[in-house]
Amino acid sequence: MLLSLVLHTYSMRYVLPAAVMLGTAPTYILAWGAWRLLSAVLPARFYHEVDDRLYTIYQSMVLFFFENYTGVQIILYGDLPKSKENVVYISNHQTTVDWIIADMLAIRQNALGHIRYVLKDGLKWLPLYGWYFSQVNLNSVS
């Protein structure tokens, strides 16, 4: 009885991260929309700076739950660049979480807010995320 309860609890470990991410997404979308309206009279660079910061904060939370609750192990090979450089990361779109892998790499280089995606077309159907990605990136592929 106790063993089955432990196994059931372990199988439900995704509920907390999913509830937090989906519960905070509407607040984030509202904050982003308000900033977009307020910044309409400001130069575009002000909008992009705050938008990148908001995105960094939210994606840091998403990555925290994704890395700690799913048991994903990140293994990086090679030398880390000593200075910032532009990178093009190409993924073969085998899953809908390719963008999270790109975020995992970006956060380790302190570049999370400055990342843009060419998205798999199916991601536009993700609740809230797909809509935001389409507003910010404006690119998708089939």
Protein backbone atom coordinates (compact mmCIF):
# COMPACT_ATOMS: atom_id res chain seq x y z
CA MET A 1 0.00 0.00 0.00
CA LEU A 2 2.71 2.48 1.01
CA LEU A 3 4.89 1.54 -1.95
CA SER A 4 2.04 2.12 -4.39
CA LEU A 5 1.38 5.53 -2.79
CA VAL A 6 5.05 6.46 -3.18
CA LEU A 7 5.06 5.34 -6.81
CA HIS A 8 1.86 7.24 -7.54
CA THR A 9 3.25 10.38 -5.89
CA TYR A 10 6.45 10.07 -7.90
CA SER A 11 4.49 9.68 -11.15
CA MET A 12 2.63 12.93 -10.37
CA ARG A 13 5.82 15.01 -9.92
CA TYR A 14 5.07 16.98 -13.08
CA VAL A 15 1.90 18.53 -11.61
CA LEU A 16 3.66 21.24 -9.54
CA PRO A 17 5.87 22.58 -12.37
CA ALA A 18 2.98 22.48 -14.83
CA ALA A 19 0.69 24.32 -12.42
CA VAL A 20 3.31 26.99 -11.70
CA MET A 21 4.22 27.53 -15.36
CA LEU A 22 0.67 27.60 -16.65
CA GLY A 23 -0.51 29.57 -13.62
CA THR A 24 2.08 32.31 -14.08
CA ALA A 25 1.84 32.46 -17.88
CA PRO A 26 -1.33 34.64 -17.91
CA THR A 27 0.30 37.11 -15.53
CA TYR A 28 3.38 37.23 -17.73
CA ILE A 29 1.29 37.73 -20.88
CA LEU A 30 -0.63 40.57 -19.16
CA ALA A 31 2.60 42.25 -18.06
CA TRP A 32 4.04 41.88 -21.56
CA GLY A 33 0.88 43.29 -23.17
CA ALA A 34 0.80 46.24 -20.76
CA TRP A 35 4.46 46.97 -21.46
CA ARG A 36 3.84 46.72 -25.20
CA LEU A 37 1.05 49.31 -24.96
CA LEU A 38 2.96 51.63 -22.62
CA SER A 39 6.12 51.49 -24.70
CA ALA A 40 4.34 52.34 -27.96
CA VAL A 41 5.33 56.00 -27.54
CA LEU A 42 8.92 55.18 -26.54
CA PRO A 43 11.82 54.28 -28.83
CA ALA A 44 11.87 50.62 -29.84
CA ARG A 45 15.08 49.86 -27.97
CA PHE A 46 13.36 50.55 -24.62
CA TYR A 47 10.64 48.06 -25.48
CA HIS A 48 13.19 45.42 -26.50
CA GLU A 49 15.31 45.87 -23.36
CA VAL A 50 12.38 45.39 -20.98
CA ASP A 51 10.87 42.61 -23.13
CA ASP A 52 14.18 40.72 -23.08
CA ARG A 53 14.37 41.14 -19.28
CA LEU A 54 10.79 39.91 -18.76
CA TYR A 55 11.47 36.95 -21.03
CA THR A 56 14.68 36.13 -19.14
CA ILE A 57 12.89 36.10 -15.79
CA TYR A 58 10.06 33.91 -17.00
CA GLN A 59 12.24 31.47 -18.92
CA SER A 60 14.60 31.15 -15.94
CA MET A 61 11.64 29.91 -13.92
CA VAL A 62 10.59 27.51 -16.70
CA LEU A 63 14.13 26.15 -16.96
CA PHE A 64 14.39 25.72 -13.19
CA PHE A 65 11.36 23.44 -13.14
CA PHE A 66 12.24 21.68 -16.39
CA GLU A 67 15.79 20.85 -15.33
CA ASN A 68 15.04 19.95 -11.71
CA TYR A 69 11.78 18.04 -12.01
CA THR A 70 12.27 16.11 -15.24
CA GLY A 71 15.72 14.83 -14.40
CA VAL A 72 17.25 16.17 -17.60
CA GLN A 73 21.01 15.94 -17.54
CA ILE A 74 22.91 18.55 -19.56
CA ILE A 75 26.35 17.51 -20.75
CA LEU A 76 28.33 20.15 -22.62
CA TYR A 77 31.44 19.24 -24.57
CA GLY A 78 34.15 21.56 -25.78
CA ASP A 79 35.51 24.88 -24.65
CA LEU A 80 33.25 27.70 -23.57
CA PRO A 81 33.87 30.92 -25.49
CA LYS A 82 35.88 33.50 -23.56
CA SER A 83 33.93 36.42 -25.03
CA LYS A 84 30.39 36.81 -26.28
CA GLU A 85 29.82 35.73 -29.84
CA ASN A 86 26.83 35.25 -32.07
CA VAL A 87 25.64 31.68 -32.47
CA VAL A 88 23.21 29.94 -34.77
CA TYR A 89 21.86 26.80 -33.11
CA ILE A 90 20.09 24.43 -35.48
CA SER A 91 17.85 21.67 -34.22
CA ASN A 92 16.14 19.01 -36.30
CA HIS A 93 12.70 19.57 -34.68
CA GLN A 94 12.24 16.02 -33.49
CA THR A 95 10.38 17.27 -30.40
CA THR A 96 8.42 20.32 -29.34
CA VAL A 97 10.95 21.08 -26.58
CA ASP A 98 13.83 22.04 -28.88
CA TRP A 99 13.36 25.65 -27.78
CA ILE A 100 13.91 24.62 -24.14
CA ILE A 101 17.22 22.99 -25.07
CA ALA A 102 18.27 26.24 -26.79
CA ASP A 103 17.27 28.12 -23.63
CA MET A 104 19.37 25.76 -21.50
CA LEU A 105 22.40 26.58 -23.60
CA ALA A 106 21.63 30.31 -23.62
CA ILE A 107 21.20 30.62 -19.85
CA ARG A 108 24.65 29.15 -19.31
CA GLN A 109 26.09 31.94 -21.48
CA ASN A 110 23.99 34.71 -19.86
CA ALA A 111 22.20 35.28 -23.18
CA LEU A 112 18.70 34.01 -22.41
CA GLY A 113 16.83 37.26 -23.09
CA HIS A 114 18.59 37.76 -26.41
CA ILE A 115 17.59 34.51 -28.05
CA ARG A 116 15.17 34.27 -31.00
CA TYR A 117 13.71 31.17 -32.61
CA VAL A 118 12.57 29.80 -35.91
CA LEU A 119 9.81 27.62 -34.52
CA LYS A 120 8.25 24.35 -35.48
CA ASP A 121 4.79 25.16 -36.79
CA GLY A 122 3.09 22.89 -34.25
CA LEU A 123 4.29 25.06 -31.36
CA LYS A 124 1.81 27.78 -32.26
CA TRP A 125 -0.90 25.62 -30.64
CA LEU A 126 0.75 25.60 -27.20
CA PRO A 127 -1.44 27.61 -24.83
CA LEU A 128 -0.03 31.13 -24.31
CA TYR A 129 3.52 30.14 -25.26
CA GLY A 130 2.77 29.63 -28.92
CA TRP A 131 1.01 32.97 -29.18
CA TYR A 132 3.85 34.82 -27.43
CA PHE A 133 6.52 33.13 -29.53
CA SER A 134 4.65 34.07 -32.70
CA GLN A 135 4.43 37.71 -31.54
CA VAL A 136 8.11 37.96 -30.66
CA ASN A 137 9.71 35.80 -33.34
CA LEU A 138 7.30 35.99 -36.27
CA ASN A 139 8.93 32.94 -37.87
CA SER A 140 7.78 29.33 -38.07
CA VAL A 141 8.50 26.29 -40.19
CA SER A 142 6.46 23.18 -40.95
